[in-house]
Protein backbone atom coordinates (compact mmCIF):
# COMPACT_ATOMS: atom_id res chain seq x y z
CA UNK A 1 100.79 68.70 49.92
CA UNK A 2 98.59 69.37 52.92
CA UNK A 3 95.23 70.72 51.73
CA UNK A 4 93.77 70.90 55.22
CA UNK A 5 93.45 73.96 57.43
CA UNK A 6 96.65 75.76 58.26
CA UNK A 7 96.05 74.97 61.94
CA UNK A 8 97.02 71.37 61.14
CA UNK A 9 100.21 72.31 59.30
CA UNK A 10 103.79 71.92 60.42
CA UNK A 11 106.60 74.13 59.17
CA UNK A 12 110.30 73.63 58.70
CA UNK A 13 112.27 76.70 59.70
CA UNK A 14 115.96 77.41 59.24
CA UNK A 15 117.89 80.32 60.68
CA UNK A 16 121.18 80.31 58.79
CA UNK A 17 123.95 82.11 60.63
CA UNK A 18 127.63 82.59 60.07
CA UNK A 19 128.44 80.58 63.20
CA UNK A 20 125.57 78.08 63.31
CA UNK A 21 122.44 76.96 61.52
CA UNK A 22 119.36 76.49 63.65
CA UNK A 23 116.81 74.12 62.16
CA UNK A 24 113.41 73.47 63.71
CA UNK A 25 110.12 71.77 62.99
CA UNK A 26 107.41 74.11 64.22
CA UNK A 27 103.69 73.83 64.80
CA UNK A 28 101.05 76.08 63.29
CA UNK A 29 101.15 78.07 66.55
CA UNK A 30 104.90 78.56 66.00
CA UNK A 31 105.99 76.40 68.87
CA UNK A 32 109.12 74.29 68.43
CA UNK A 33 108.40 70.59 68.02
CA UNK A 34 112.03 69.55 67.51
CA UNK A 35 115.23 71.42 66.66
CA UNK A 36 118.92 71.03 65.90
CA UNK A 37 121.90 73.36 66.15
CA UNK A 38 124.39 72.75 63.37
CA UNK A 39 127.82 74.42 63.15
CA UNK A 40 128.33 76.51 60.03
CA UNK A 41 131.25 74.82 58.29
CA UNK A 42 131.38 74.38 54.52
CA UNK A 43 128.13 74.83 52.57
CA UNK A 44 127.53 71.24 51.42
CA UNK A 45 128.45 69.74 54.79
CA UNK A 46 126.24 72.19 56.67
CA UNK A 47 123.20 71.88 54.44
CA UNK A 48 123.50 68.07 54.32
CA UNK A 49 123.20 68.06 58.09
CA UNK A 50 120.12 70.30 57.89
CA UNK A 51 118.50 68.05 55.31
CA UNK A 52 119.30 64.94 57.34
CA UNK A 53 117.70 66.46 60.43
CA UNK A 54 114.43 67.27 58.69
CA UNK A 55 114.41 63.94 56.86
CA UNK A 56 114.33 62.16 60.23
CA UNK A 57 111.10 63.93 61.21
CA UNK A 58 107.58 64.10 59.87
CA UNK A 59 107.36 65.86 56.52
CA UNK A 60 106.81 69.59 56.77
CA UNK A 61 104.33 71.42 54.57
CA UNK A 62 106.77 74.19 53.67
CA UNK A 63 110.17 75.54 54.58
CA UNK A 64 111.07 79.09 55.56
CA UNK A 65 114.70 80.24 55.55
CA UNK A 66 116.08 83.26 57.39
CA UNK A 67 119.67 83.69 56.26
CA UNK A 68 122.71 85.76 57.00
CA UNK A 69 123.73 88.00 54.15
CA UNK A 70 124.40 89.53 51.86
CA UNK A 71 121.69 87.52 50.16
CA UNK A 72 120.27 87.73 46.62
CA UNK A 73 116.59 88.49 47.27
CA UNK A 74 115.58 89.62 43.78
CA UNK A 75 113.23 86.86 42.49
CA UNK A 76 114.11 87.82 38.92
CA UNK A 77 117.80 87.12 39.45
CA UNK A 78 119.16 83.75 38.27
CA UNK A 79 121.01 83.68 41.61
CA UNK A 80 117.89 84.24 43.71
CA UNK A 81 118.32 82.71 47.15
CA UNK A 82 122.12 82.58 46.91
CA UNK A 83 124.66 84.23 49.15
CA UNK A 84 126.46 87.15 47.54
CA UNK A 85 130.06 88.11 48.34
CA UNK A 86 130.52 87.36 52.02
CA UNK A 87 133.58 87.19 54.26
CA UNK A 88 132.39 83.72 55.37
CA UNK A 89 134.86 81.38 53.59
CA UNK A 90 133.30 79.14 50.97
CA UNK A 91 129.80 80.62 51.09
CA UNK A 92 129.96 83.33 48.42
CA UNK A 93 127.55 82.51 45.54
CA UNK A 94 126.27 79.38 47.29
CA UNK A 95 122.67 78.61 46.29
CA UNK A 96 121.19 78.10 49.75
CA UNK A 97 117.53 78.22 48.68
CA UNK A 98 117.99 75.79 45.79
CA UNK A 99 120.05 73.38 47.87
CA UNK A 100 117.50 73.09 50.69
CA UNK A 101 114.49 73.08 48.40
CA UNK A 102 115.91 70.23 46.31
CA UNK A 103 117.03 68.34 49.41
CA UNK A 104 113.68 68.52 51.18
CA UNK A 105 111.29 68.56 48.23
CA UNK A 106 108.90 71.10 49.76
CA UNK A 107 108.01 74.68 48.75
CA UNK A 108 110.43 77.20 50.23
CA UNK A 109 110.66 80.90 50.99
CA UNK A 110 113.79 82.85 51.85
CA UNK A 111 114.61 86.24 53.33
CA UNK A 112 117.39 87.72 55.42
CA UNK A 113 117.57 86.89 59.10
CA UNK A 114 116.85 90.47 60.13
CA UNK A 115 113.89 90.74 57.76
CA UNK A 116 112.47 87.57 59.27
CA UNK A 117 113.03 88.88 62.79
CA UNK A 118 111.36 92.21 61.97
CA UNK A 119 108.26 90.42 60.67
CA UNK A 120 108.19 88.09 63.68
CA UNK A 121 108.45 90.99 66.12
CA UNK A 122 105.69 92.83 64.26
CA UNK A 123 103.32 89.87 64.39
CA UNK A 124 104.21 88.13 67.64
CA UNK A 125 106.74 90.20 69.56
CA UNK A 126 107.35 93.69 70.91
CA UNK A 127 106.23 95.26 67.62
CA UNK A 128 102.63 94.10 67.92
CA UNK A 129 100.19 96.96 67.45
CA UNK A 130 102.62 99.06 65.41
CA UNK A 131 102.39 99.55 61.66
CA UNK A 132 106.09 100.16 60.98
CA UNK A 133 108.72 98.26 62.94
CA UNK A 134 112.48 98.65 62.72
CA UNK A 135 114.56 95.72 63.92
CA UNK A 136 118.30 95.80 64.66
CA UNK A 137 120.46 92.86 65.64
CA UNK A 138 123.85 93.62 67.14
CA UNK A 139 126.15 90.66 67.62
CA UNK A 140 128.75 89.13 65.32
CA UNK A 141 127.62 91.75 62.81
CA UNK A 142 124.99 94.46 62.70
CA UNK A 143 121.87 93.86 60.65
CA UNK A 144 118.80 96.03 60.34
CA UNK A 145 115.45 95.79 58.61
CA UNK A 146 112.04 97.43 58.51
CA UNK A 147 108.70 95.63 58.44
CA UNK A 148 105.83 97.75 57.16
CA UNK A 149 102.44 96.22 57.93
CA UNK A 150 104.21 92.89 58.35
CA UNK A 151 106.12 93.02 55.04
CA UNK A 152 109.88 93.65 54.86
CA UNK A 153 110.86 96.83 53.06
CA UNK A 154 113.32 96.26 50.25
CA UNK A 155 114.24 97.55 46.85
CA UNK A 156 116.23 95.51 44.37
CA UNK A 157 118.30 94.31 47.32
CA UNK A 158 117.69 94.06 51.03
CA UNK A 159 118.80 96.88 53.31
CA UNK A 160 122.38 96.87 54.62
CA UNK A 161 122.08 99.51 57.31
CA UNK A 162 124.82 97.91 59.37
CA UNK A 163 127.28 99.34 56.85
CA UNK A 164 126.21 102.97 56.96
CA UNK A 165 128.98 105.55 57.45
CA UNK A 166 128.93 107.07 60.91
CA UNK A 167 130.28 110.11 62.68
CA UNK A 168 133.18 109.29 64.96
CA UNK A 169 132.65 110.05 68.61
CA UNK A 170 135.13 112.65 69.84
CA UNK A 171 138.35 111.06 71.07
CA UNK A 172 137.71 107.67 69.46
CA UNK A 173 140.63 106.63 67.26
CA UNK A 174 139.65 102.95 66.85
CA UNK A 175 140.30 101.96 63.22
CA UNK A 176 137.28 99.69 62.83
CA UNK A 177 137.20 96.05 61.72
CA UNK A 178 134.87 95.84 58.70
CA UNK A 179 136.81 94.13 55.87
CA UNK A 180 134.91 96.23 53.33
CA UNK A 181 134.60 99.68 54.93
CA UNK A 182 136.78 99.74 58.03
CA UNK A 183 134.94 102.16 60.26
CA UNK A 184 131.31 101.76 59.19
CA UNK A 185 128.76 101.09 61.94
CA UNK A 186 129.43 97.35 61.94
CA UNK A 187 133.16 97.94 61.92
CA UNK A 188 132.90 100.18 64.97
CA UNK A 189 130.08 98.73 67.06
CA UNK A 190 129.59 95.00 66.38
CA UNK A 191 130.45 92.41 69.01
CA UNK A 192 133.88 91.64 67.46
CA UNK A 193 134.58 95.38 67.21
CA UNK A 194 133.88 95.77 70.92
CA UNK A 195 136.16 92.83 71.68
CA UNK A 196 139.02 94.25 69.61
CA UNK A 197 138.57 97.83 70.81
CA UNK A 198 138.70 96.86 74.48
CA UNK A 199 140.83 93.72 74.08
CA UNK A 200 138.25 91.77 76.04
CA UNK A 201 135.25 89.52 75.54
CA UNK A 202 132.16 91.82 75.67
CA UNK A 203 130.56 89.43 78.16
CA UNK A 204 133.29 90.43 80.65
CA UNK A 205 132.56 94.15 80.30
CA UNK A 206 129.13 94.23 81.93
CA UNK A 207 130.05 96.76 84.59
CA UNK A 208 131.86 99.15 82.24
CA UNK A 209 129.52 102.08 81.63
CA UNK A 210 132.09 103.70 79.37
CA UNK A 211 131.97 100.70 77.02
CA UNK A 212 128.20 100.65 76.71
CA UNK A 213 127.74 104.42 76.62
CA UNK A 214 130.11 104.59 73.64
CA UNK A 215 128.29 101.69 72.00
CA UNK A 216 124.96 103.45 72.49
CA UNK A 217 126.26 106.62 70.85
CA UNK A 218 127.13 104.70 67.71
CA UNK A 219 123.90 102.71 67.62
CA UNK A 220 121.88 105.90 68.12
CA UNK A 221 123.20 107.12 64.78
CA UNK A 222 121.47 104.16 63.13
CA UNK A 223 118.20 105.06 64.86
CA UNK A 224 118.59 108.61 63.54
CA UNK A 225 118.87 107.16 60.02
CA UNK A 226 115.74 105.12 60.70
CA UNK A 227 113.87 108.19 61.92
CA UNK A 228 114.77 110.30 58.91
CA UNK A 229 114.39 107.62 56.23
CA UNK A 230 111.65 105.19 57.30
CA UNK A 231 110.04 107.04 60.24
CA UNK A 232 109.13 103.75 62.00
CA UNK A 233 106.75 103.60 64.93
CA UNK A 234 109.30 101.67 67.00
CA UNK A 235 112.89 100.39 66.68
CA UNK A 236 113.63 97.10 68.43
CA UNK A 237 117.10 95.87 69.38
CA UNK A 238 118.08 92.21 69.53
CA UNK A 239 121.21 90.07 69.26
CA UNK A 240 123.87 89.32 71.84
CA UNK A 241 124.82 92.98 72.27
CA UNK A 242 121.59 94.66 71.20
CA UNK A 243 119.44 92.68 73.64
CA UNK A 244 121.54 93.54 76.69
CA UNK A 245 119.03 94.48 79.43
CA UNK A 246 120.04 98.15 79.46
CA UNK A 247 121.10 98.65 75.84
CA UNK A 248 117.82 99.95 74.46
CA UNK A 249 117.53 102.51 77.26
CA UNK A 250 121.07 103.74 76.66
CA UNK A 251 120.41 104.05 72.93
CA UNK A 252 117.10 105.85 73.52
CA UNK A 253 118.84 108.44 75.67
CA UNK A 254 121.44 109.06 72.97
CA UNK A 255 118.79 109.21 70.23
CA UNK A 256 117.08 112.10 71.97
CA UNK A 257 120.34 114.05 71.86
CA UNK A 258 121.17 112.96 68.32
CA UNK A 259 117.83 114.06 66.84
CA UNK A 260 118.43 117.46 68.43
CA UNK A 261 114.74 118.30 68.37
CA UNK A 262 114.44 117.96 64.59
CA UNK A 263 111.74 115.44 63.69
CA UNK A 264 108.05 115.56 62.95
CA UNK A 265 107.10 112.67 65.20
CA UNK A 266 110.20 111.31 66.88
CA UNK A 267 111.92 114.28 68.51
CA UNK A 268 109.83 114.01 71.68
CA UNK A 269 109.26 110.25 71.47
CA UNK A 270 110.93 108.72 74.51
CA UNK A 271 109.49 105.29 73.65
CA UNK A 272 110.98 104.91 70.17
CA UNK A 273 113.71 102.41 71.09
CA UNK A 274 112.84 99.18 72.87
CA UNK A 275 114.30 95.76 73.48
CA UNK A 276 113.02 93.07 71.09
CA UNK A 277 110.49 90.70 72.58
CA UNK A 278 111.20 87.30 71.00
CA UNK A 279 114.82 87.06 72.06
CA UNK A 280 116.93 84.51 70.21
CA UNK A 281 113.84 82.98 68.56
CA UNK A 282 112.93 85.99 66.40
CA UNK A 283 114.67 84.85 63.21
CA UNK A 284 113.46 81.28 63.54
CA UNK A 285 109.87 82.35 64.14
CA UNK A 286 110.11 84.71 61.18
CA UNK A 287 111.26 81.84 59.00
CA UNK A 288 108.27 79.76 60.11
CA UNK A 289 105.94 82.68 59.39
CA UNK A 290 107.19 82.81 55.80
CA UNK A 291 106.51 79.07 55.47
CA UNK A 292 103.01 79.67 56.82
CA UNK A 293 102.42 82.27 54.10
CA UNK A 294 103.12 79.60 51.49
CA UNK A 295 100.54 77.30 53.05
CA UNK A 296 97.97 80.09 53.31
CA UNK A 297 98.31 80.55 49.59
CA UNK A 298 96.87 77.05 49.11
CA UNK A 299 93.73 77.65 51.15
C-alpha cells in the first residue's frame, strides 16, 4: 500500500464495454501512462487479458472500474459488482468486481460507465463549475446518469434512463430494437436503431438532416425527463452518436419546444444541452477518479 501523498500514486482504470475493455495505468494527474484495448469476448478470457496487462506494469495503488450494465451497485447485495441480466452473451451474473480485485490484489471501486463519465465531466470536463450534471452517452446503447456535487445519484440500483418510454414522433412506424421493451428510447434512438431504421451505417448518414433531426426529437424527450426529475444545471452528450459535432445543438433546439415553456429554471435556458468535454476518455477518467478516492481515504 502506498502511504505517500496521492500526487505520487498511480491508478489502474478499466472501462468495461460490451464491445471492448479499455484498461489503462494512469498518473495522479489522470494522464495515461500505458493502455490496452481488449475485445469483449467471454468473461474469463476478457478479464484474464486485463489482469495480464496490469501485471506487466508497475503495481497500481487502486483500481477503478467503469462498467456497462445493468450492474449490481448495491453494496449490501451478495452480488455487488456483478453484471445483472444483460443481452451480452455469457456476462449475466458475472462477478466483474470480484474477478479483477482477486486477480490484481489491490483495492477496487466499481460504478457504471455513465456514472463514471458524469463524475469525470463534473470534475474535469464540460461540467466544471456546475453543481448538478447530467451525462448521456448515445452509441451502441443509451446510458444516462446524474452527478450531484461530484457524486452519482442512485437509489437501490443505478438509473436506466435509456429505457424510458417515449412518445412516438408523428409518422414514425419503426418498431424499435430493444430486446426488453421494443420501442423505448434505446430501442428507437441508439446507434444500432439508427442503422436498422435507415438500413445504413450511421457514419454514412452525416449529411442527412432528416436522420439527425428525428434523432434529436427522441433525445430531447430524455432531457425533458432530466429537467422535470433532477433539474440539472447542464446535460452533456457523449458517445459515438451523442458527441456528433452538431447533436447537442439539435437536441437543445428540440428541448425548447418540448418543454413548451413549463419549467422553473429550464424553459428559457438555451445553454442546458452541451457536448461532453472529455470525449472518449470520460469513462476511463471517471474510473481513475474512483480509484483516487480510495487512496485519499488512506491519507
